[in-house]
């Protein structure tokens, strides 16, 4: 067997005049399409002045590689591009084609306002309200309130209910979660919910045992309990699937899904559910 090649590393500079979240996500999504590649990320957020840009250019010169940027200021953008050209450093404004297409379609000019998507608009406050709701309704808390949720996730322990709910809340969805615990009945209201979308989260018993065992070890707790016993875990997951089938809840297997992928699948289900629910109520 030939030895495994070490990953190819390179310096990736991400320059943004806002939080950098959009740029970072795009860069990581692109890099993920290349096998055995490991970028060394240098992130520069809120670059909005000449002084901040100068510090950024110093680091780029020190660690040359590839530069991705999102800068709305034409002055700062020109300085960055002139510098990269002089240093023969490849660079790309990642939103150019998107903005140009929008500008052409809308027939209106860009505002060139940095961080416009992070303004404290009604949408911003809606997301903050959803996050507050989600944190207050985590792990079965305030179950009498579940009718106020947009989405309720149900699953056995360690099926990523909480992080998935938080991810959904950041998209403005009021998400609650209820754990399935052996010999503890579910809240009565859960089976009577009409408005919220209830989704069951299932997983492979083998993987669940591994995740639970690692969790216990990280907490310096005894890993030899029913919590990680294979037969006990298998019974838990089978009982969960039977419950989901009986109540006709949609089910998502999270065994090999990231939180982001699970949340995206739930968001699609929620969109369909919302359209169906609204239509059935004649609104």
Protein backbone atom coordinates (compact mmCIF):
# COMPACT_ATOMS: atom_id res chain seq x y z
CA UNK A 1 0.00 0.00 0.00
CA UNK A 2 1.39 3.38 -0.99
CA UNK A 3 1.83 5.90 1.83
CA UNK A 4 -0.87 8.53 2.23
CA UNK A 5 0.16 11.81 0.71
CA UNK A 6 0.15 14.78 3.09
CA UNK A 7 -2.49 17.39 2.23
CA UNK A 8 -1.52 20.26 -0.02
CA UNK A 9 -1.58 23.43 2.05
CA UNK A 10 -1.75 27.03 0.93
CA UNK A 11 -2.46 30.42 2.47
CA UNK A 12 -6.00 31.65 1.83
CA UNK A 13 -6.70 35.29 2.69
CA UNK A 14 -10.36 36.22 3.19
CA UNK A 15 -10.90 39.99 3.26
CA UNK A 16 -14.33 41.45 4.06
CA UNK A 17 -15.78 44.79 5.05
CA UNK A 18 -18.53 43.00 7.01
CA UNK A 19 -18.50 39.98 9.33
CA UNK A 20 -16.96 37.74 6.67
CA UNK A 21 -19.50 34.96 7.17
CA UNK A 22 -20.63 34.91 3.54
CA UNK A 23 -17.07 34.95 2.23
CA UNK A 24 -15.87 32.27 4.65
CA UNK A 25 -18.77 29.97 3.77
CA UNK A 26 -18.22 30.35 0.04
CA UNK A 27 -14.48 29.74 0.35
CA UNK A 28 -14.91 26.63 2.47
CA UNK A 29 -17.59 25.25 0.17
CA UNK A 30 -15.26 25.70 -2.79
CA UNK A 31 -12.22 24.20 -1.06
CA UNK A 32 -14.28 21.19 0.03
CA UNK A 33 -14.53 20.17 -3.64
CA UNK A 34 -10.78 19.45 -3.80
CA UNK A 35 -9.38 16.27 -2.29
CA UNK A 36 -6.36 16.35 0.01
CA UNK A 37 -6.28 20.16 0.17
CA UNK A 38 -5.96 22.09 3.42
CA UNK A 39 -6.12 25.90 3.26
CA UNK A 40 -4.48 27.96 5.99
CA UNK A 41 -7.12 30.61 6.50
CA UNK A 42 -6.33 34.22 7.32
CA UNK A 43 -9.58 36.07 8.02
CA UNK A 44 -9.83 39.86 7.99
CA UNK A 45 -13.31 41.11 8.94
CA UNK A 46 -14.70 44.66 9.10
CA UNK A 47 -11.97 46.09 6.85
CA UNK A 48 -13.39 49.56 6.26
CA UNK A 49 -10.46 51.98 6.52
CA UNK A 50 -7.06 52.50 4.91
CA UNK A 51 -5.38 51.68 8.19
CA UNK A 52 -7.18 48.35 8.49
CA UNK A 53 -6.40 47.53 4.88
CA UNK A 54 -2.69 48.32 5.39
CA UNK A 55 -2.50 45.78 8.21
CA UNK A 56 -4.22 43.26 5.94
CA UNK A 57 -1.79 43.87 3.08
CA UNK A 58 1.14 43.39 5.44
CA UNK A 59 -0.12 39.91 6.32
CA UNK A 60 -0.82 39.01 2.70
CA UNK A 61 2.70 40.02 1.76
CA UNK A 62 4.11 37.97 4.64
CA UNK A 63 2.09 34.86 3.72
CA UNK A 64 1.43 35.01 -0.04
CA UNK A 65 -1.19 32.67 -1.43
CA UNK A 66 -4.69 33.30 -2.70
CA UNK A 67 -6.93 36.29 -1.87
CA UNK A 68 -10.73 36.23 -1.88
CA UNK A 69 -12.50 39.44 -0.96
CA UNK A 70 -15.82 41.25 -0.63
CA UNK A 71 -15.22 45.00 -0.43
CA UNK A 72 -17.90 47.53 -1.34
CA UNK A 73 -15.59 50.57 -1.13
CA UNK A 74 -14.13 51.15 -4.60
CA UNK A 75 -11.12 52.90 -3.05
CA UNK A 76 -10.23 50.00 -0.75
CA UNK A 77 -10.95 47.51 -3.49
CA UNK A 78 -8.64 49.32 -5.94
CA UNK A 79 -5.85 49.41 -3.38
CA UNK A 80 -6.17 45.69 -2.68
CA UNK A 81 -6.27 44.75 -6.35
CA UNK A 82 -3.30 47.01 -7.22
CA UNK A 83 -1.29 45.45 -4.41
CA UNK A 84 -2.13 41.88 -5.47
CA UNK A 85 -1.26 42.60 -9.09
CA UNK A 86 2.09 44.16 -8.08
CA UNK A 87 2.89 41.11 -5.95
CA UNK A 88 1.59 38.62 -8.57
CA UNK A 89 -0.91 37.29 -6.02
CA UNK A 90 -4.07 35.73 -7.51
CA UNK A 91 -7.20 37.43 -6.20
CA UNK A 92 -10.95 37.37 -6.73
CA UNK A 93 -13.93 39.47 -5.71
CA UNK A 94 -16.31 36.59 -5.12
CA UNK A 95 -19.60 38.51 -5.35
CA UNK A 96 -18.90 40.39 -8.59
CA UNK A 97 -20.82 38.11 -10.94
CA UNK A 98 -23.76 37.85 -8.53
CA UNK A 99 -23.98 41.61 -8.04
CA UNK A 100 -23.59 42.31 -11.76
CA UNK A 101 -26.41 39.91 -12.60
CA UNK A 102 -28.67 41.46 -9.96
CA UNK A 103 -27.84 44.98 -11.09
CA UNK A 104 -28.65 44.13 -14.67
CA UNK A 105 -31.87 42.32 -13.77
CA UNK A 106 -33.15 45.00 -11.37
CA UNK A 107 -32.05 47.91 -13.52
CA UNK A 108 -30.72 49.78 -10.52
CA UNK A 109 -27.25 50.64 -9.24
CA UNK A 110 -25.45 49.13 -6.27
CA UNK A 111 -25.54 51.02 -2.97
CA UNK A 112 -21.94 49.97 -2.17
CA UNK A 113 -22.97 49.72 1.48
CA UNK A 114 -20.81 47.26 3.50
CA UNK A 115 -22.58 44.72 5.69
CA UNK A 116 -26.02 45.61 4.37
CA UNK A 117 -27.34 42.13 5.17
CA UNK A 118 -26.53 42.64 8.86
CA UNK A 119 -28.63 45.76 9.40
CA UNK A 120 -31.10 45.68 12.32
CA UNK A 121 -34.19 45.28 10.17
CA UNK A 122 -37.47 43.54 10.98
CA UNK A 123 -35.89 40.34 9.63
CA UNK A 124 -33.01 40.73 12.11
CA UNK A 125 -35.38 41.06 15.06
CA UNK A 126 -37.40 38.10 13.80
CA UNK A 127 -34.27 35.97 13.93
CA UNK A 128 -33.43 37.21 17.43
CA UNK A 129 -36.95 36.37 18.59
CA UNK A 130 -36.65 32.89 17.07
CA UNK A 131 -33.32 32.33 18.82
CA UNK A 132 -34.74 33.41 22.19
CA UNK A 133 -37.70 31.04 21.69
CA UNK A 134 -35.42 28.17 20.73
CA UNK A 135 -33.15 28.58 23.76
CA UNK A 136 -36.18 28.73 26.09
CA UNK A 137 -37.68 25.56 24.57
CA UNK A 138 -34.56 23.40 24.46
CA UNK A 139 -34.59 19.80 25.68
CA UNK A 140 -38.31 19.65 26.44
CA UNK A 141 -38.53 22.88 28.42
CA UNK A 142 -41.83 24.82 28.46
CA UNK A 143 -43.58 22.00 26.63
CA UNK A 144 -47.01 23.58 27.19
CA UNK A 145 -45.84 26.26 24.76
CA UNK A 146 -45.06 23.97 21.83
CA UNK A 147 -48.04 25.16 19.79
CA UNK A 148 -46.20 28.48 19.35
CA UNK A 149 -43.25 26.78 17.62
CA UNK A 150 -42.72 26.62 13.88
CA UNK A 151 -40.83 23.33 14.11
CA UNK A 152 -40.52 20.72 16.87
CA UNK A 153 -37.73 18.14 16.69
CA UNK A 154 -38.11 14.83 18.51
CA UNK A 155 -35.38 12.24 18.95
CA UNK A 156 -33.32 10.17 21.34
CA UNK A 157 -30.31 11.63 23.10
CA UNK A 158 -27.38 12.80 20.91
CA UNK A 159 -29.24 13.16 17.63
CA UNK A 160 -28.13 16.81 17.28
CA UNK A 161 -31.49 18.28 18.25
CA UNK A 162 -30.15 21.38 20.00
CA UNK A 163 -27.55 22.53 17.44
CA UNK A 164 -30.03 21.90 14.62
CA UNK A 165 -32.65 24.03 16.39
CA UNK A 166 -30.15 26.85 16.87
CA UNK A 167 -29.19 26.69 13.20
CA UNK A 168 -32.87 26.90 12.22
CA UNK A 169 -33.41 29.81 14.62
CA UNK A 170 -30.69 31.73 12.82
CA UNK A 171 -32.92 31.47 9.76
CA UNK A 172 -35.86 32.90 11.68
CA UNK A 173 -37.59 29.61 12.55
CA UNK A 174 -38.89 29.11 16.09
CA UNK A 175 -37.60 25.60 16.76
CA UNK A 176 -38.18 23.55 19.92
CA UNK A 177 -36.96 20.05 20.70
CA UNK A 178 -38.21 17.22 22.87
CA UNK A 179 -35.99 14.30 23.91
CA UNK A 180 -37.13 10.69 23.81
CA UNK A 181 -36.07 9.17 27.13
CA UNK A 182 -36.80 5.52 27.99
CA UNK A 183 -39.71 5.09 30.45
CA UNK A 184 -40.53 8.83 30.44
CA UNK A 185 -43.75 9.78 28.63
CA UNK A 186 -43.81 12.53 26.04
CA UNK A 187 -45.72 15.74 26.78
CA UNK A 188 -49.41 15.17 26.01
CA UNK A 189 -49.55 18.26 23.80
CA UNK A 190 -47.02 16.83 21.37
CA UNK A 191 -49.46 14.38 19.77
CA UNK A 192 -52.15 17.05 19.46
CA UNK A 193 -50.10 19.74 17.71
CA UNK A 194 -51.71 21.09 14.55
CA UNK A 195 -49.73 24.12 13.36
CA UNK A 196 -46.06 23.27 14.03
CA UNK A 197 -44.16 20.80 11.88
CA UNK A 198 -43.00 17.89 14.04
CA UNK A 199 -39.94 16.03 12.72
CA UNK A 200 -38.46 12.83 14.08
CA UNK A 201 -34.67 12.48 14.08
CA UNK A 202 -33.33 8.94 13.82
CA UNK A 203 -29.83 7.54 13.64
CA UNK A 204 -27.84 4.33 13.28
CA UNK A 205 -27.42 2.51 16.65
CA UNK A 206 -23.74 1.76 16.03
CA UNK A 207 -22.94 5.39 15.35
CA UNK A 208 -25.08 6.54 18.26
CA UNK A 209 -23.20 4.28 20.66
CA UNK A 210 -19.91 5.71 19.43
CA UNK A 211 -21.12 9.31 19.82
CA UNK A 212 -22.51 8.68 23.29
CA UNK A 213 -19.39 6.88 24.44
CA UNK A 214 -17.17 9.72 23.25
CA UNK A 215 -19.44 12.17 25.03
CA UNK A 216 -19.16 10.31 28.33
CA UNK A 217 -15.38 10.02 28.01
CA UNK A 218 -15.07 13.75 27.34
CA UNK A 219 -16.98 14.35 30.61
CA UNK A 220 -14.82 11.81 32.49
CA UNK A 221 -17.89 9.68 33.19
CA UNK A 222 -18.25 5.89 33.27
CA UNK A 223 -18.81 4.68 29.69
CA UNK A 224 -20.18 1.29 30.81
CA UNK A 225 -23.87 2.10 31.26
CA UNK A 226 -27.17 1.36 29.49
CA UNK A 227 -26.73 4.74 27.83
CA UNK A 228 -24.09 3.17 25.56
CA UNK A 229 -25.13 -0.48 25.71
CA UNK A 230 -25.73 -1.56 22.12
CA UNK A 231 -28.91 -3.55 22.74
CA UNK A 232 -30.38 -0.79 24.90
CA UNK A 233 -29.53 1.82 22.29
CA UNK A 234 -30.94 -0.35 19.52
CA UNK A 235 -34.21 -0.71 21.45
CA UNK A 236 -34.31 3.07 21.92
CA UNK A 237 -33.89 3.81 18.24
CA UNK A 238 -36.41 1.14 17.20
CA UNK A 239 -38.99 2.50 19.63
CA UNK A 240 -38.38 6.00 18.27
CA UNK A 241 -38.96 4.87 14.68
CA UNK A 242 -42.19 3.09 15.67
CA UNK A 243 -43.39 6.25 17.38
CA UNK A 244 -42.60 8.39 14.34
CA UNK A 245 -44.43 5.92 12.06
CA UNK A 246 -47.48 5.77 14.33
CA UNK A 247 -47.81 9.54 14.48
CA UNK A 248 -46.92 9.91 10.78
CA UNK A 249 -44.17 12.41 11.46
CA UNK A 250 -41.55 12.95 8.73
CA UNK A 251 -38.24 11.36 9.69
CA UNK A 252 -34.68 12.44 8.96
CA UNK A 253 -31.78 10.04 9.49
CA UNK A 254 -28.90 12.11 10.92
CA UNK A 255 -26.36 9.28 10.96
CA UNK A 256 -24.14 10.76 8.26
CA UNK A 257 -25.52 14.28 8.03
CA UNK A 258 -23.93 17.44 9.29
CA UNK A 259 -26.09 19.81 11.34
CA UNK A 260 -26.23 22.12 8.31
CA UNK A 261 -27.51 19.31 6.07
CA UNK A 262 -30.11 18.24 8.62
CA UNK A 263 -31.30 21.83 9.06
CA UNK A 264 -31.53 22.29 5.28
CA UNK A 265 -33.67 19.15 4.95
CA UNK A 266 -35.93 20.34 7.79
CA UNK A 267 -36.20 23.79 6.22
CA UNK A 268 -37.44 22.21 2.98
CA UNK A 269 -40.02 20.17 4.91
CA UNK A 270 -41.09 23.28 6.81
CA UNK A 271 -41.57 25.26 3.59
CA UNK A 272 -43.82 22.51 2.19
CA UNK A 273 -45.68 22.15 5.50
CA UNK A 274 -46.26 25.89 5.79
CA UNK A 275 -47.63 26.09 2.25
CA UNK A 276 -49.91 23.10 2.86
CA UNK A 277 -51.09 24.33 6.26
CA UNK A 278 -51.82 27.82 4.97
CA UNK A 279 -53.68 26.43 1.98
CA UNK A 280 -55.81 24.11 4.12
CA UNK A 281 -56.80 27.04 6.31
CA UNK A 282 -57.78 29.16 3.35
CA UNK A 283 -55.29 31.94 4.10
